[in-house]
Structures are given as structure tokens and as C-alpha cells.
N, C-alpha and C. Protein backbone atom coordinates (compact mmCIF):
# COMPACT_ATOMS: atom_id res chain seq x y z
N MET A 1 82.87 6.52 119.35
CA MET A 1 82.06 8.13 119.87
C MET A 1 82.09 8.76 118.78
N ARG A 2 81.55 9.56 118.02
CA ARG A 2 81.31 10.86 117.37
C ARG A 2 82.12 12.03 117.26
N GLN A 3 82.44 12.52 116.98
CA GLN A 3 83.40 13.57 116.76
C GLN A 3 82.71 15.14 116.30
N LEU A 4 82.47 15.74 117.07
CA LEU A 4 82.68 17.25 115.92
C LEU A 4 83.54 17.42 115.48
N LYS A 5 82.32 18.33 114.25
CA LYS A 5 83.95 19.06 113.47
C LYS A 5 83.23 20.55 113.82
N ILE A 6 84.45 21.14 113.66
CA ILE A 6 84.39 22.61 113.77
C ILE A 6 84.15 23.69 112.94
N THR A 7 83.24 24.61 112.55
CA THR A 7 83.16 24.69 110.82
C THR A 7 83.17 26.46 111.66
N LYS A 8 83.41 26.81 109.82
CA LYS A 8 83.52 28.31 110.59
C LYS A 8 81.54 29.53 111.22
N GLN A 9 80.73 28.83 110.77
CA GLN A 9 79.64 28.77 110.88
C GLN A 9 79.73 28.78 112.41
N ILE A 10 79.99 27.67 113.41
CA ILE A 10 79.87 27.34 114.63
C ILE A 10 81.03 28.66 115.48
N THR A 11 82.00 29.02 115.11
CA THR A 11 82.80 29.41 115.33
C THR A 11 82.32 30.74 115.50
N ASP A 12 81.87 31.50 114.02
CA ASP A 12 81.83 32.58 114.49
C ASP A 12 80.42 33.40 115.33
N ARG A 13 79.09 32.19 115.15
CA ARG A 13 78.03 32.35 116.34
C ARG A 13 79.22 32.75 117.89
N ASN A 14 79.88 31.81 118.56
CA ASN A 14 80.81 31.45 119.22
C ASN A 14 81.04 32.55 119.73
N ASP A 15 81.97 33.89 118.75
CA ASP A 15 82.65 34.17 118.85
C ASP A 15 82.06 35.54 119.44
N ALA A 16 80.81 35.69 118.46
CA ALA A 16 79.37 36.60 118.76
C ALA A 16 79.30 37.21 119.65
N ALA A 17 78.91 35.87 120.64
CA ALA A 17 77.92 35.44 121.67
C ALA A 17 79.21 35.58 123.06
N LEU A 18 80.58 35.80 122.58
CA LEU A 18 81.72 36.04 123.73
C LEU A 18 81.76 37.39 123.29
N GLY A 19 81.54 37.96 122.11
CA GLY A 19 82.40 39.03 121.78
C GLY A 19 81.01 40.03 122.60
N LEU A 20 79.29 39.75 122.90
CA LEU A 20 78.44 40.28 123.11
C LEU A 20 77.94 40.26 124.50
N TYR A 21 78.56 38.84 125.77
CA TYR A 21 78.85 38.90 127.04
C TYR A 21 79.97 40.30 127.73
N LEU A 22 81.17 39.52 126.68
CA LEU A 22 82.55 40.67 127.41
C LEU A 22 82.05 42.04 127.03
N GLN A 23 81.50 42.49 126.21
CA GLN A 23 80.88 44.16 126.31
C GLN A 23 79.71 44.24 127.20
N GLU A 24 78.38 43.15 127.86
CA GLU A 24 77.79 43.84 128.76
C GLU A 24 78.29 43.78 129.71
N ILE A 25 79.54 42.23 130.43
CA ILE A 25 79.95 42.45 131.45
C ILE A 25 80.82 43.86 132.15
N SER A 26 81.15 44.79 130.80
CA SER A 26 82.26 45.25 130.94
C SER A 26 81.56 46.17 131.53
N LYS A 27 79.97 46.37 131.29
CA LYS A 27 79.54 47.43 132.27
C LYS A 27 79.34 47.70 134.16
N ILE A 28 79.10 46.72 134.19
CA ILE A 28 79.61 46.09 135.64
C ILE A 28 80.38 46.85 136.15
N LYS A 29 80.67 47.20 137.54
CA LYS A 29 81.48 48.00 138.60
C LYS A 29 82.19 46.88 139.75
N LEU A 30 83.53 46.92 139.16
CA LEU A 30 83.62 45.43 139.56
C LEU A 30 83.83 46.19 141.35
N LEU A 31 84.42 45.32 142.24
CA LEU A 31 84.06 45.64 143.70
C LEU A 31 85.03 45.86 144.12
N THR A 32 85.32 46.91 145.24
CA THR A 32 86.83 47.60 145.98
C THR A 32 86.95 46.17 146.81
N THR A 33 88.34 46.49 147.25
CA THR A 33 89.07 45.28 148.31
C THR A 33 87.97 45.51 149.36
N GLU A 34 87.64 46.61 149.79
CA GLU A 34 86.72 46.60 150.65
C GLU A 34 85.18 46.25 151.08
N GLU A 35 84.81 46.04 150.10
CA GLU A 35 83.93 45.89 149.82
C GLU A 35 83.75 43.94 149.15
N GLU A 36 84.46 43.71 148.78
CA GLU A 36 84.79 42.19 148.64
C GLU A 36 85.08 41.29 149.91
N VAL A 37 85.47 42.04 150.74
CA VAL A 37 86.62 42.04 151.91
C VAL A 37 85.19 41.62 153.06
N GLU A 38 84.59 42.94 153.10
CA GLU A 38 82.94 42.82 153.45
C GLU A 38 81.84 41.94 153.26
N LEU A 39 81.94 42.13 151.32
CA LEU A 39 81.34 40.88 151.39
C LEU A 39 81.16 39.16 151.10
N ALA A 40 82.25 39.03 151.95
CA ALA A 40 82.81 38.01 152.40
C ALA A 40 82.67 37.96 153.50
N ARG A 41 82.88 39.31 154.77
CA ARG A 41 83.05 38.57 156.20
C ARG A 41 81.30 38.34 156.50
N ARG A 42 80.28 39.40 155.59
CA ARG A 42 78.61 38.85 155.34
C ARG A 42 78.33 37.39 155.05
N ILE A 43 79.40 36.70 153.91
CA ILE A 43 78.39 35.49 153.51
C ILE A 43 79.18 34.80 154.72
N LYS A 44 80.66 35.22 154.96
CA LYS A 44 80.80 33.45 156.31
C LYS A 44 79.80 33.94 158.02
N GLU A 45 79.19 35.85 158.10
CA GLU A 45 78.93 35.58 159.10
C GLU A 45 77.09 33.90 159.05
N GLN A 46 76.79 34.95 157.73
CA GLN A 46 75.95 34.16 157.44
C GLN A 46 75.54 32.14 157.32
N SER A 47 76.54 32.15 157.37
CA SER A 47 77.08 30.90 157.03
C SER A 47 77.19 30.60 158.42
N ILE A 48 77.23 30.84 159.52
CA ILE A 48 77.82 29.82 160.81
C ILE A 48 76.37 30.68 161.31
N GLU A 49 75.55 31.30 160.97
CA GLU A 49 74.31 31.47 161.68
C GLU A 49 73.38 30.69 161.33
N LYS A 50 73.32 29.86 160.28
CA LYS A 50 72.77 29.27 159.30
C LYS A 50 72.95 27.64 159.60
N LEU A 51 74.13 27.84 160.02
CA LEU A 51 74.78 26.44 160.06
C LEU A 51 74.11 26.11 162.14
N LYS A 52 74.28 27.34 163.06
CA LYS A 52 73.73 27.02 163.90
C LYS A 52 72.49 26.73 164.30
N ILE A 53 71.44 27.43 162.78
CA ILE A 53 70.09 27.14 163.42
C ILE A 53 69.95 25.45 162.65
N ARG A 54 70.40 25.48 161.83
CA ARG A 54 70.52 23.97 161.12
C ARG A 54 71.40 22.68 162.71
N GLN A 55 71.96 22.99 162.88
CA GLN A 55 72.18 22.39 164.12
C GLN A 55 71.20 22.38 165.58
N HIS A 56 70.49 23.09 165.67
CA HIS A 56 69.87 23.74 166.62
C HIS A 56 68.04 22.86 165.99
N SER A 57 67.81 22.84 164.90
CA SER A 57 66.96 22.15 164.20
C SER A 57 67.12 20.97 164.08
N ASN A 58 68.07 20.09 163.95
CA ASN A 58 68.29 18.65 164.03
C ASN A 58 68.03 18.14 166.22
N LYS A 59 68.51 19.34 166.82
CA LYS A 59 68.45 18.63 167.96
C LYS A 59 67.01 18.96 168.44
N LEU A 60 66.32 20.07 167.69
CA LEU A 60 65.03 19.65 168.92
C LEU A 60 63.92 18.32 167.65
N LEU A 61 64.51 17.94 167.10
CA LEU A 61 63.64 16.72 165.54
C LEU A 61 64.05 15.92 166.47
N LYS A 62 65.74 15.59 167.11
CA LYS A 62 65.73 14.63 167.69
C LYS A 62 65.10 14.71 169.14
N GLU A 63 64.93 15.43 169.37
CA GLU A 63 64.34 14.84 170.88
C GLU A 63 62.58 14.91 170.87
N TYR A 64 62.08 15.43 170.09
CA TYR A 64 60.74 15.60 169.33
C TYR A 64 60.09 13.18 168.50
N VAL A 65 61.66 13.11 167.87
CA VAL A 65 61.49 11.73 167.61
C VAL A 65 61.43 10.44 169.26
N SER A 66 61.73 11.45 169.56
CA SER A 66 62.39 11.08 170.83
C SER A 66 61.53 10.51 171.93
N TYR A 67 60.41 11.35 171.63
CA TYR A 67 59.54 11.53 172.60
C TYR A 67 58.35 10.89 172.01
């Protein structure tokens, strides 16, 4: 098994990329508690709706195949 030799050149690039990433992400406004709860509720509702659609589609497909 090959082992990766970590050099200063490699770690400097990672530090710079990580610093840039953290700098960019710090500009994004975080969700409030209320926004996070609302988002979770909407995701759950959509997941339930998609499940219902999928179940209905499967039922129609079975009826079509058995026809």
C-alpha cells in the first residue's frame, strides 16, 4: 500500500482553499430557528406527496400490466 507523504506545499494549498471557503461561506446569512422549522416542514410535506404519487403510479402500472 502506498503512503502519501504530506509536504508543506500540499498543506499550504489546502489551508488557502479552506480559508477561502470559510471566508465565502461566512457571507451567507444563516437560517433562523423559525425558517429552519418551516423548511423542514415543507420538505416533509413534499416527501409525503411524492410518496403518494409514487404509490399511485405503481398501482396504475400494476393495473396496466395485468390488463
